[in-house]
Full PDB file with SEQRES, HELIX, SHEET, SSBOND, CRYST1, ORIGX, SCALE, CONECT and MASTER records, all heavy atoms in Angstrom:
SEQRES   1 A   31  VAL ILE ALA VAL VAL PRO ASP GLY PRO GLY GLY ARG ALA          
SEQRES   2 A   31  MET THR PRO VAL LEU ASP ALA LEU ARG GLN ARG GLY ALA          
SEQRES   3 A   31  ASP VAL CYS ALA VAL                                          
HELIX    1 AA1 PRO A    9  ARG A   12  1                                   4    
HELIX    2 AA2 THR A   15  GLN A   23  1                                   9    
SHEET    1 AA1 2 ILE A   2  ALA A   3  0                                        
SHEET    2 AA1 2 CYS A  29  ALA A  30  1                                        
CRYST1    1.000    1.000    1.000  90.00  90.00  90.00 P 1           1          
ORIGX1      1.000000  0.000000  0.000000        0.00000                         
ORIGX2      0.000000  1.000000  0.000000        0.00000                         
ORIGX3      0.000000  0.000000  1.000000        0.00000                         
SCALE1      1.000000  0.000000  0.000000        0.00000                         
SCALE2      0.000000  1.000000  0.000000        0.00000                         
SCALE3      0.000000  0.000000  1.000000        0.00000                         
ATOM      1  N   VAL A   1     -81.855 -26.927 -30.481  1.00  0.00           N  
ATOM      2  CA  VAL A   1     -83.280 -26.840 -30.766  1.00  0.00           C  
ATOM      3  C   VAL A   1     -83.483 -27.075 -32.258  1.00  0.00           C  
ATOM      4  O   VAL A   1     -82.848 -26.420 -33.086  1.00  0.00           O  
ATOM      5  CB  VAL A   1     -83.861 -25.464 -30.380  1.00  0.00           C  
ATOM      6  CG1 VAL A   1     -85.345 -25.389 -30.756  1.00  0.00           C  
ATOM      7  CG2 VAL A   1     -83.673 -25.204 -28.895  1.00  0.00           C  
ATOM      8  N   ILE A   2     -84.349 -28.022 -32.589  1.00  0.00           N  
ATOM      9  CA  ILE A   2     -84.744 -28.235 -33.979  1.00  0.00           C  
ATOM     10  C   ILE A   2     -86.097 -27.570 -34.161  1.00  0.00           C  
ATOM     11  O   ILE A   2     -87.075 -27.929 -33.508  1.00  0.00           O  
ATOM     12  CB  ILE A   2     -84.825 -29.730 -34.317  1.00  0.00           C  
ATOM     13  CG1 ILE A   2     -83.440 -30.375 -34.163  1.00  0.00           C  
ATOM     14  CG2 ILE A   2     -85.350 -29.931 -35.732  1.00  0.00           C  
ATOM     15  CD1 ILE A   2     -83.432 -31.881 -34.396  1.00  0.00           C  
ATOM     16  N   ALA A   3     -86.131 -26.575 -35.042  1.00  0.00           N  
ATOM     17  CA  ALA A   3     -87.352 -25.791 -35.276  1.00  0.00           C  
ATOM     18  C   ALA A   3     -87.865 -26.070 -36.686  1.00  0.00           C  
ATOM     19  O   ALA A   3     -87.139 -25.883 -37.665  1.00  0.00           O  
ATOM     20  CB  ALA A   3     -87.063 -24.304 -35.106  1.00  0.00           C  
ATOM     21  N   VAL A   4     -89.104 -26.523 -36.775  1.00  0.00           N  
ATOM     22  CA  VAL A   4     -89.728 -26.791 -38.070  1.00  0.00           C  
ATOM     23  C   VAL A   4     -90.493 -25.534 -38.483  1.00  0.00           C  
ATOM     24  O   VAL A   4     -91.414 -25.105 -37.777  1.00  0.00           O  
ATOM     25  CB  VAL A   4     -90.670 -28.006 -38.002  1.00  0.00           C  
ATOM     26  CG1 VAL A   4     -91.168 -28.362 -39.397  1.00  0.00           C  
ATOM     27  CG2 VAL A   4     -89.962 -29.202 -37.371  1.00  0.00           C  
ATOM     28  N   VAL A   5     -90.085 -24.947 -39.601  1.00  0.00           N  
ATOM     29  CA  VAL A   5     -90.617 -23.643 -40.010  1.00  0.00           C  
ATOM     30  C   VAL A   5     -91.214 -23.769 -41.410  1.00  0.00           C  
ATOM     31  O   VAL A   5     -90.487 -23.783 -42.403  1.00  0.00           O  
ATOM     32  CB  VAL A   5     -89.511 -22.568 -40.000  1.00  0.00           C  
ATOM     33  CG1 VAL A   5     -90.111 -21.197 -40.293  1.00  0.00           C  
ATOM     34  CG2 VAL A   5     -88.769 -22.556 -38.669  1.00  0.00           C  
ATOM     35  N   PRO A   6     -92.527 -23.848 -41.528  1.00  0.00           N  
ATOM     36  CA  PRO A   6     -93.147 -23.959 -42.846  1.00  0.00           C  
ATOM     37  C   PRO A   6     -93.329 -22.593 -43.498  1.00  0.00           C  
ATOM     38  O   PRO A   6     -93.204 -21.552 -42.843  1.00  0.00           O  
ATOM     39  CB  PRO A   6     -94.508 -24.576 -42.525  1.00  0.00           C  
ATOM     40  CG  PRO A   6     -94.835 -24.012 -41.173  1.00  0.00           C  
ATOM     41  CD  PRO A   6     -93.514 -23.928 -40.437  1.00  0.00           C  
ATOM     42  N   ASP A   7     -93.628 -22.615 -44.766  1.00  0.00           N  
ATOM     43  CA  ASP A   7     -93.945 -21.398 -45.506  1.00  0.00           C  
ATOM     44  C   ASP A   7     -95.452 -21.170 -45.394  1.00  0.00           C  
ATOM     45  O   ASP A   7     -96.247 -21.830 -46.055  1.00  0.00           O  
ATOM     46  CB  ASP A   7     -93.533 -21.561 -46.974  1.00  0.00           C  
ATOM     47  CG  ASP A   7     -93.694 -20.266 -47.762  1.00  0.00           C  
ATOM     48  OD1 ASP A   7     -94.077 -19.248 -47.160  1.00  0.00           O  
ATOM     49  OD2 ASP A   7     -93.448 -20.285 -48.979  1.00  0.00           O  
ATOM     50  N   GLY A   8     -95.853 -20.253 -44.513  1.00  0.00           N  
ATOM     51  CA  GLY A   8     -97.270 -20.006 -44.289  1.00  0.00           C  
ATOM     52  C   GLY A   8     -97.494 -19.403 -42.922  1.00  0.00           C  
ATOM     53  O   GLY A   8     -96.541 -19.013 -42.238  1.00  0.00           O  
ATOM     54  N   PRO A   9     -98.741 -19.325 -42.473  1.00  0.00           N  
ATOM     55  CA  PRO A   9     -99.045 -18.716 -41.171  1.00  0.00           C  
ATOM     56  C   PRO A   9     -98.316 -19.381 -40.012  1.00  0.00           C  
ATOM     57  O   PRO A   9     -97.865 -18.699 -39.086  1.00  0.00           O  
ATOM     58  CB  PRO A   9    -100.569 -18.905 -41.042  1.00  0.00           C  
ATOM     59  CG  PRO A   9    -101.058 -18.975 -42.453  1.00  0.00           C  
ATOM     60  CD  PRO A   9     -99.976 -19.665 -43.220  1.00  0.00           C  
ATOM     61  N   GLY A  10     -98.188 -20.711 -40.048  1.00  0.00           N  
ATOM     62  CA  GLY A  10     -97.482 -21.399 -38.968  1.00  0.00           C  
ATOM     63  C   GLY A  10     -96.026 -20.996 -38.891  1.00  0.00           C  
ATOM     64  O   GLY A  10     -95.466 -20.849 -37.804  1.00  0.00           O  
ATOM     65  N   GLY A  11     -95.406 -20.796 -40.056  1.00  0.00           N  
ATOM     66  CA  GLY A  11     -94.021 -20.356 -40.086  1.00  0.00           C  
ATOM     67  C   GLY A  11     -93.864 -18.939 -39.584  1.00  0.00           C  
ATOM     68  O   GLY A  11     -92.920 -18.632 -38.835  1.00  0.00           O  
ATOM     69  N   ARG A  12     -94.801 -18.076 -39.978  1.00  0.00           N  
ATOM     70  CA  ARG A  12     -94.735 -16.688 -39.509  1.00  0.00           C  
ATOM     71  C   ARG A  12     -94.937 -16.608 -38.003  1.00  0.00           C  
ATOM     72  O   ARG A  12     -94.337 -15.752 -37.324  1.00  0.00           O  
ATOM     73  CB  ARG A  12     -95.770 -15.829 -40.242  1.00  0.00           C  
ATOM     74  CG  ARG A  12     -95.446 -15.653 -41.734  1.00  0.00           C  
ATOM     75  CD  ARG A  12     -96.312 -14.606 -42.369  1.00  0.00           C  
ATOM     76  NE  ARG A  12     -97.708 -15.005 -42.496  1.00  0.00           N  
ATOM     77  CZ  ARG A  12     -98.210 -15.703 -43.502  1.00  0.00           C  
ATOM     78  NH1 ARG A  12     -97.408 -16.130 -44.475  1.00  0.00           N  
ATOM     79  NH2 ARG A  12     -99.491 -16.010 -43.562  1.00  0.00           N  
ATOM     80  N   ALA A  13     -95.751 -17.497 -37.463  1.00  0.00           N  
ATOM     81  CA  ALA A  13     -95.970 -17.524 -36.015  1.00  0.00           C  
ATOM     82  C   ALA A  13     -94.725 -17.976 -35.260  1.00  0.00           C  
ATOM     83  O   ALA A  13     -94.630 -17.780 -34.037  1.00  0.00           O  
ATOM     84  CB  ALA A  13     -97.143 -18.444 -35.678  1.00  0.00           C  
ATOM     85  N   MET A  14     -93.767 -18.552 -35.956  1.00  0.00           N  
ATOM     86  CA  MET A  14     -92.517 -18.993 -35.330  1.00  0.00           C  
ATOM     87  C   MET A  14     -91.529 -17.844 -35.137  1.00  0.00           C  
ATOM     88  O   MET A  14     -90.550 -18.000 -34.393  1.00  0.00           O  
ATOM     89  CB  MET A  14     -91.853 -20.067 -36.198  1.00  0.00           C  
ATOM     90  CG  MET A  14     -92.579 -21.405 -36.217  1.00  0.00           C  
ATOM     91  SD  MET A  14     -92.437 -22.292 -34.656  1.00  0.00           S  
ATOM     92  CE  MET A  14     -90.677 -22.693 -34.652  1.00  0.00           C  
ATOM     93  N   THR A  15     -91.743 -16.709 -35.774  1.00  0.00           N  
ATOM     94  CA  THR A  15     -90.763 -15.621 -35.757  1.00  0.00           C  
ATOM     95  C   THR A  15     -90.367 -15.190 -34.347  1.00  0.00           C  
ATOM     96  O   THR A  15     -89.169 -15.117 -34.025  1.00  0.00           O  
ATOM     97  CB  THR A  15     -91.269 -14.427 -36.571  1.00  0.00           C  
ATOM     98  OG1 THR A  15     -91.475 -14.844 -37.923  1.00  0.00           O  
ATOM     99  CG2 THR A  15     -90.266 -13.280 -36.545  1.00  0.00           C  
ATOM    100  N   PRO A  16     -91.315 -14.878 -33.454  1.00  0.00           N  
ATOM    101  CA  PRO A  16     -90.891 -14.458 -32.108  1.00  0.00           C  
ATOM    102  C   PRO A  16     -90.185 -15.558 -31.334  1.00  0.00           C  
ATOM    103  O   PRO A  16     -89.324 -15.274 -30.485  1.00  0.00           O  
ATOM    104  CB  PRO A  16     -92.211 -14.056 -31.427  1.00  0.00           C  
ATOM    105  CG  PRO A  16     -93.281 -14.723 -32.218  1.00  0.00           C  
ATOM    106  CD  PRO A  16     -92.778 -14.792 -33.619  1.00  0.00           C  
ATOM    107  N   VAL A  17     -90.522 -16.798 -31.620  1.00  0.00           N  
ATOM    108  CA  VAL A  17     -89.868 -17.919 -30.943  1.00  0.00           C  
ATOM    109  C   VAL A  17     -88.417 -18.033 -31.405  1.00  0.00           C  
ATOM    110  O   VAL A  17     -87.504 -18.206 -30.591  1.00  0.00           O  
ATOM    111  CB  VAL A  17     -90.634 -19.226 -31.226  1.00  0.00           C  
ATOM    112  CG1 VAL A  17     -89.983 -20.393 -30.493  1.00  0.00           C  
ATOM    113  CG2 VAL A  17     -92.087 -19.089 -30.803  1.00  0.00           C  
ATOM    114  N   LEU A  18     -88.199 -17.918 -32.704  1.00  0.00           N  
ATOM    115  CA  LEU A  18     -86.836 -17.964 -33.230  1.00  0.00           C  
ATOM    116  C   LEU A  18     -86.009 -16.798 -32.693  1.00  0.00           C  
ATOM    117  O   LEU A  18     -84.820 -16.956 -32.387  1.00  0.00           O  
ATOM    118  CB  LEU A  18     -86.871 -17.953 -34.756  1.00  0.00           C  
ATOM    119  CG  LEU A  18     -87.493 -19.196 -35.408  1.00  0.00           C  
ATOM    120  CD1 LEU A  18     -87.656 -18.984 -36.913  1.00  0.00           C  
ATOM    121  CD2 LEU A  18     -86.656 -20.431 -35.146  1.00  0.00           C  
ATOM    122  N   ASP A  19     -86.654 -15.643 -32.549  1.00  0.00           N  
ATOM    123  CA  ASP A  19     -85.955 -14.490 -31.960  1.00  0.00           C  
ATOM    124  C   ASP A  19     -85.543 -14.781 -30.527  1.00  0.00           C  
ATOM    125  O   ASP A  19     -84.411 -14.477 -30.105  1.00  0.00           O  
ATOM    126  CB  ASP A  19     -86.854 -13.255 -31.995  1.00  0.00           C  
ATOM    127  CG  ASP A  19     -87.055 -12.709 -33.405  1.00  0.00           C  
ATOM    128  OD1 ASP A  19     -86.270 -13.083 -34.308  1.00  0.00           O  
ATOM    129  OD2 ASP A  19     -88.003 -11.925 -33.609  1.00  0.00           O  
ATOM    130  N   ALA A  20     -86.451 -15.379 -29.757  1.00  0.00           N  
ATOM    131  CA  ALA A  20     -86.153 -15.686 -28.356  1.00  0.00           C  
ATOM    132  C   ALA A  20     -85.034 -16.721 -28.256  1.00  0.00           C  
ATOM    133  O   ALA A  20     -84.162 -16.632 -27.377  1.00  0.00           O  
ATOM    134  CB  ALA A  20     -87.410 -16.198 -27.653  1.00  0.00           C  
ATOM    135  N   LEU A  21     -85.037 -17.695 -29.135  1.00  0.00           N  
ATOM    136  CA  LEU A  21     -83.984 -18.709 -29.128  1.00  0.00           C  
ATOM    137  C   LEU A  21     -82.635 -18.089 -29.473  1.00  0.00           C  
ATOM    138  O   LEU A  21     -81.606 -18.425 -28.867  1.00  0.00           O  
ATOM    139  CB  LEU A  21     -84.321 -19.816 -30.126  1.00  0.00           C  
ATOM    140  CG  LEU A  21     -85.525 -20.702 -29.770  1.00  0.00           C  
ATOM    141  CD1 LEU A  21     -85.865 -21.623 -30.931  1.00  0.00           C  
ATOM    142  CD2 LEU A  21     -85.252 -21.510 -28.512  1.00  0.00           C  
ATOM    143  N   ARG A  22     -82.623 -17.178 -30.432  1.00  0.00           N  
ATOM    144  CA  ARG A  22     -81.372 -16.506 -30.805  1.00  0.00           C  
ATOM    145  C   ARG A  22     -80.831 -15.691 -29.634  1.00  0.00           C  
ATOM    146  O   ARG A  22     -79.634 -15.683 -29.360  1.00  0.00           O  
ATOM    147  CB  ARG A  22     -81.607 -15.621 -32.032  1.00  0.00           C  
ATOM    148  CG  ARG A  22     -80.321 -14.967 -32.563  1.00  0.00           C  
ATOM    149  CD  ARG A  22     -80.531 -14.281 -33.891  1.00  0.00           C  
ATOM    150  NE  ARG A  22     -81.548 -13.250 -33.824  1.00  0.00           N  
ATOM    151  CZ  ARG A  22     -82.760 -13.359 -34.381  1.00  0.00           C  
ATOM    152  NH1 ARG A  22     -83.098 -14.450 -35.039  1.00  0.00           N  
ATOM    153  NH2 ARG A  22     -83.635 -12.375 -34.279  1.00  0.00           N  
ATOM    154  N   GLN A  23     -81.741 -15.019 -28.906  1.00  0.00           N  
ATOM    155  CA  GLN A  23     -81.309 -14.215 -27.762  1.00  0.00           C  
ATOM    156  C   GLN A  23     -80.701 -15.075 -26.661  1.00  0.00           C  
ATOM    157  O   GLN A  23     -79.860 -14.601 -25.893  1.00  0.00           O  
ATOM    158  CB  GLN A  23     -82.498 -13.421 -27.216  1.00  0.00           C  
ATOM    159  CG  GLN A  23     -82.975 -12.317 -28.151  1.00  0.00           C  
ATOM    160  CD  GLN A  23     -84.332 -11.766 -27.751  1.00  0.00           C  
ATOM    161  OE1 GLN A  23     -84.827 -12.042 -26.654  1.00  0.00           O  
ATOM    162  NE2 GLN A  23     -84.942 -10.970 -28.627  1.00  0.00           N  
ATOM    163  N   ARG A  24     -81.113 -16.338 -26.590  1.00  0.00           N  
ATOM    164  CA  ARG A  24     -80.570 -17.235 -25.569  1.00  0.00           C  
ATOM    165  C   ARG A  24     -79.298 -17.941 -26.045  1.00  0.00           C  
ATOM    166  O   ARG A  24     -78.747 -18.767 -25.322  1.00  0.00           O  
ATOM    167  CB  ARG A  24     -81.625 -18.285 -25.173  1.00  0.00           C  
ATOM    168  CG  ARG A  24     -82.858 -17.682 -24.501  1.00  0.00           C  
ATOM    169  CD  ARG A  24     -83.782 -18.772 -23.990  1.00  0.00           C  
ATOM    170  NE  ARG A  24     -83.156 -19.525 -22.890  1.00  0.00           N  
ATOM    171  CZ  ARG A  24     -83.147 -19.142 -21.629  1.00  0.00           C  
ATOM    172  NH1 ARG A  24     -83.718 -18.000 -21.286  1.00  0.00           N  
ATOM    173  NH2 ARG A  24     -82.581 -19.891 -20.702  1.00  0.00           N  
ATOM    174  N   GLY A  25     -78.874 -17.632 -27.247  1.00  0.00           N  
ATOM    175  CA  GLY A  25     -77.660 -18.254 -27.771  1.00  0.00           C  
ATOM    176  C   GLY A  25     -77.831 -19.707 -28.133  1.00  0.00           C  
ATOM    177  O   GLY A  25     -76.855 -20.473 -28.160  1.00  0.00           O  
ATOM    178  N   ALA A  26     -79.061 -20.120 -28.437  1.00  0.00           N  
ATOM    179  CA  ALA A  26     -79.331 -21.526 -28.721  1.00  0.00           C  
ATOM    180  C   ALA A  26     -78.738 -21.937 -30.070  1.00  0.00           C  
ATOM    181  O   ALA A  26     -78.669 -21.144 -31.016  1.00  0.00           O  
ATOM    182  CB  ALA A  26     -80.836 -21.776 -28.724  1.00  0.00           C  
ATOM    183  N   ASP A  27     -78.328 -23.184 -30.138  1.00  0.00           N  
ATOM    184  CA  ASP A  27     -77.924 -23.808 -31.395  1.00  0.00           C  
ATOM    185  C   ASP A  27     -79.213 -24.288 -32.070  1.00  0.00           C  
ATOM    186  O   ASP A  27     -79.845 -25.239 -31.615  1.00  0.00           O  
ATOM    187  CB  ASP A  27     -76.987 -24.988 -31.101  1.00  0.00           C  
ATOM    188  CG  ASP A  27     -76.453 -25.657 -32.367  1.00  0.00           C  
ATOM    189  OD1 ASP A  27     -77.239 -25.914 -33.299  1.00  0.00           O  
ATOM    190  OD2 ASP A  27     -75.249 -25.930 -32.409  1.00  0.00           O  
ATOM    191  N   VAL A  28     -79.618 -23.607 -33.146  1.00  0.00           N  
ATOM    192  CA  VAL A  28     -80.907 -23.878 -33.785  1.00  0.00           C  
ATOM    193  C   VAL A  28     -80.705 -24.524 -35.149  1.00  0.00           C  
ATOM    194  O   VAL A  28     -79.998 -23.979 -36.003  1.00  0.00           O  
ATOM    195  CB  VAL A  28     -81.739 -22.596 -33.939  1.00  0.00           C  
ATOM    196  CG1 VAL A  28     -83.051 -22.893 -34.671  1.00  0.00           C  
ATOM    197  CG2 VAL A  28     -82.021 -21.971 -32.578  1.00  0.00           C  
ATOM    198  N   CYS A  29     -81.327 -25.668 -35.323  1.00  0.00           N  
ATOM    199  CA  CYS A  29     -81.391 -26.316 -36.634  1.00  0.00           C  
ATOM    200  C   CYS A  29     -82.773 -26.058 -37.207  1.00  0.00           C  
ATOM    201  O   CYS A  29     -83.776 -26.501 -36.639  1.00  0.00           O  
ATOM    202  CB  CYS A  29     -81.145 -27.817 -36.513  1.00  0.00           C  
ATOM    203  SG  CYS A  29     -81.390 -28.716 -38.062  1.00  0.00           S  
ATOM    204  N   ALA A  30     -82.848 -25.321 -38.311  1.00  0.00           N  
ATOM    205  CA  ALA A  30     -84.129 -25.019 -38.939  1.00  0.00           C  
ATOM    206  C   ALA A  30     -84.439 -26.056 -40.008  1.00  0.00           C  
ATOM    207  O   ALA A  30     -83.616 -26.333 -40.881  1.00  0.00           O  
ATOM    208  CB  ALA A  30     -84.095 -23.630 -39.568  1.00  0.00           C  
ATOM    209  N   VAL A  31     -85.616 -26.642 -39.919  1.00  0.00           N  
ATOM    210  CA  VAL A  31     -86.129 -27.525 -40.962  1.00  0.00           C  
ATOM    211  C   VAL A  31     -87.098 -26.671 -41.764  1.00  0.00           C  
ATOM    212  O   VAL A  31     -88.233 -26.431 -41.342  1.00  0.00           O  
ATOM    213  CB  VAL A  31     -86.833 -28.754 -40.353  1.00  0.00           C  
ATOM    214  CG1 VAL A  31     -87.317 -29.695 -41.439  1.00  0.00           C  
ATOM    215  CG2 VAL A  31     -85.893 -29.470 -39.386  1.00  0.00           C  
TER     216      VAL A  31                                                      
MASTER        0    0    0    2    2    0    0    6  215    1    0    3          
END                                                                             
């Protein structure tokens, strides 16, 4: 999963999604 995470409200809204991906053991590339 490639996750684009900006510095701002959009990035903060990504937090629960990144948590869910981590729980699934996903290989995450953060941009």
